[in-house]
């Protein structure tokens, strides 16, 4: 029996797994970007590349602020969902 003639049922990941992998990949990308920015800030001497250090610092601060706002919004959505039930 050739591969093309074989049944394909049960092969492959379910939609739930593939969607969760996309979310996990996004979080890994965000975490690695933060790690790279923090490493850049930690490893470069002060004043050598000051504009780049400033940009990296603002990006790290903005990213942390965005995560904090997202967490608060998700918490408020959960609270509203609990109140409507």
C-alpha atoms as a PDB file:
ATOM      1  CA  UNK A   1       0.000   0.000   0.000  1.00  0.00           C
ATOM      2  CA  UNK A   2       1.371   3.380  -0.939  1.00  0.00           C
ATOM      3  CA  UNK A   3       1.512   6.305   1.401  1.00  0.00           C
ATOM      4  CA  UNK A   4      -1.026   8.222  -0.680  1.00  0.00           C
ATOM      5  CA  UNK A   5      -3.542   5.357  -0.433  1.00  0.00           C
ATOM      6  CA  UNK A   6      -3.262   5.033   3.346  1.00  0.00           C
ATOM      7  CA  UNK A   7      -5.836   6.538   5.662  1.00  0.00           C
ATOM      8  CA  UNK A   8      -5.049   9.944   7.145  1.00  0.00           C
ATOM      9  CA  UNK A   9      -7.452   9.791  10.077  1.00  0.00           C
ATOM     10  CA  UNK A  10      -5.848  10.433  13.428  1.00  0.00           C
ATOM     11  CA  UNK A  11      -2.711  11.939  11.936  1.00  0.00           C
ATOM     12  CA  UNK A  12      -1.738  15.433  12.961  1.00  0.00           C
ATOM     13  CA  UNK A  13      -2.379  17.656  15.901  1.00  0.00           C
ATOM     14  CA  UNK A  14      -5.806  18.787  16.940  1.00  0.00           C
ATOM     15  CA  UNK A  15      -6.848  22.408  16.499  1.00  0.00           C
ATOM     16  CA  UNK A  16      -6.622  22.973  20.254  1.00  0.00           C
ATOM     17  CA  UNK A  17      -2.963  21.949  20.310  1.00  0.00           C
ATOM     18  CA  UNK A  18      -2.008  23.955  17.251  1.00  0.00           C
ATOM     19  CA  UNK A  19      -3.662  27.111  18.576  1.00  0.00           C
ATOM     20  CA  UNK A  20      -1.992  26.708  21.969  1.00  0.00           C
ATOM     21  CA  UNK A  21       1.364  26.211  20.257  1.00  0.00           C
ATOM     22  CA  UNK A  22       0.907  29.492  18.386  1.00  0.00           C
ATOM     23  CA  UNK A  23       0.212  31.261  21.669  1.00  0.00           C
ATOM     24  CA  UNK A  24       3.196  29.579  23.326  1.00  0.00           C
ATOM     25  CA  UNK A  25       5.435  30.545  20.414  1.00  0.00           C
ATOM     26  CA  UNK A  26       4.362  34.168  20.779  1.00  0.00           C
ATOM     27  CA  UNK A  27       5.170  34.149  24.513  1.00  0.00           C
ATOM     28  CA  UNK A  28       8.565  32.571  23.838  1.00  0.00           C
ATOM     29  CA  UNK A  29       9.289  35.245  21.242  1.00  0.00           C
ATOM     30  CA  UNK A  30       8.295  38.033  23.652  1.00  0.00           C
ATOM     31  CA  UNK A  31      10.343  36.528  26.491  1.00  0.00           C
ATOM     32  CA  UNK A  32      13.416  36.117  24.286  1.00  0.00           C
ATOM     33  CA  UNK A  33      13.109  39.708  23.052  1.00  0.00           C
ATOM     34  CA  UNK A  34      12.940  40.993  26.630  1.00  0.00           C
ATOM     35  CA  UNK A  35      15.910  38.819  27.572  1.00  0.00           C
ATOM     36  CA  UNK A  36      17.926  40.170  24.646  1.00  0.00           C
ATOM     37  CA  UNK A  37      17.096  43.783  25.538  1.00  0.00           C
ATOM     38  CA  UNK A  38      17.957  43.278  29.197  1.00  0.00           C
ATOM     39  CA  UNK A  39      21.196  41.502  28.254  1.00  0.00           C
ATOM     40  CA  UNK A  40      22.063  44.393  25.929  1.00  0.00           C
ATOM     41  CA  UNK A  41      21.455  46.871  28.743  1.00  0.00           C
ATOM     42  CA  UNK A  42      23.477  44.828  31.209  1.00  0.00           C
ATOM     43  CA  UNK A  43      26.442  44.102  28.961  1.00  0.00           C
ATOM     44  CA  UNK A  44      27.072  47.485  27.363  1.00  0.00           C
ATOM     45  CA  UNK A  45      29.079  50.006  29.362  1.00  0.00           C
ATOM     46  CA  UNK A  46      27.325  53.219  30.373  1.00  0.00           C
ATOM     47  CA  UNK A  47      27.574  56.043  27.873  1.00  0.00           C
ATOM     48  CA  UNK A  48      29.033  54.014  24.990  1.00  0.00           C
ATOM     49  CA  UNK A  49      25.816  53.610  23.021  1.00  0.00           C
ATOM     50  CA  UNK A  50      23.582  55.877  25.050  1.00  0.00           C
ATOM     51  CA  UNK A  51      20.771  56.349  22.472  1.00  0.00           C
ATOM     52  CA  UNK A  52      20.511  52.586  21.945  1.00  0.00           C
ATOM     53  CA  UNK A  53      20.504  51.987  25.702  1.00  0.00           C
ATOM     54  CA  UNK A  54      17.751  54.567  26.110  1.00  0.00           C
ATOM     55  CA  UNK A  55      15.658  52.929  23.398  1.00  0.00           C
ATOM     56  CA  UNK A  56      16.176  49.460  24.894  1.00  0.00           C
ATOM     57  CA  UNK A  57      15.247  50.739  28.352  1.00  0.00           C
ATOM     58  CA  UNK A  58      12.056  52.351  27.065  1.00  0.00           C
ATOM     59  CA  UNK A  59      11.151  49.165  25.176  1.00  0.00           C
ATOM     60  CA  UNK A  60      11.619  47.023  28.290  1.00  0.00           C
ATOM     61  CA  UNK A  61       9.637  49.480  30.421  1.00  0.00           C
ATOM     62  CA  UNK A  62       6.881  49.754  27.834  1.00  0.00           C
ATOM     63  CA  UNK A  63       6.676  45.994  27.458  1.00  0.00           C
ATOM     64  CA  UNK A  64       6.351  45.475  31.197  1.00  0.00           C
ATOM     65  CA  UNK A  65       3.694  48.192  31.360  1.00  0.00           C
ATOM     66  CA  UNK A  66       1.778  46.587  28.469  1.00  0.00           C
ATOM     67  CA  UNK A  67       1.864  43.199  30.191  1.00  0.00           C
ATOM     68  CA  UNK A  68       0.634  44.785  33.424  1.00  0.00           C
ATOM     69  CA  UNK A  69      -2.250  46.538  31.664  1.00  0.00           C
ATOM     70  CA  UNK A  70      -3.164  43.329  29.839  1.00  0.00           C
ATOM     71  CA  UNK A  71      -3.195  41.401  33.100  1.00  0.00           C
ATOM     72  CA  UNK A  72      -5.436  43.978  34.777  1.00  0.00           C
ATOM     73  CA  UNK A  73      -7.829  43.966  31.810  1.00  0.00           C
ATOM     74  CA  UNK A  74      -8.047  40.154  31.833  1.00  0.00           C
ATOM     75  CA  UNK A  75      -8.678  40.202  35.565  1.00  0.00           C
ATOM     76  CA  UNK A  76     -11.458  42.761  35.184  1.00  0.00           C
ATOM     77  CA  UNK A  77     -13.031  40.700  32.380  1.00  0.00           C
ATOM     78  CA  UNK A  78     -13.017  37.629  34.613  1.00  0.00           C
ATOM     79  CA  UNK A  79     -14.556  39.638  37.439  1.00  0.00           C
ATOM     80  CA  UNK A  80     -17.326  40.879  35.147  1.00  0.00           C
ATOM     81  CA  UNK A  81     -17.927  37.345  33.886  1.00  0.00           C
ATOM     82  CA  UNK A  82     -18.302  36.124  37.492  1.00  0.00           C
ATOM     83  CA  UNK A  83     -20.768  38.886  38.299  1.00  0.00           C
ATOM     84  CA  UNK A  84     -23.016  38.115  35.323  1.00  0.00           C
ATOM     85  CA  UNK A  85     -23.357  34.406  36.209  1.00  0.00           C
END
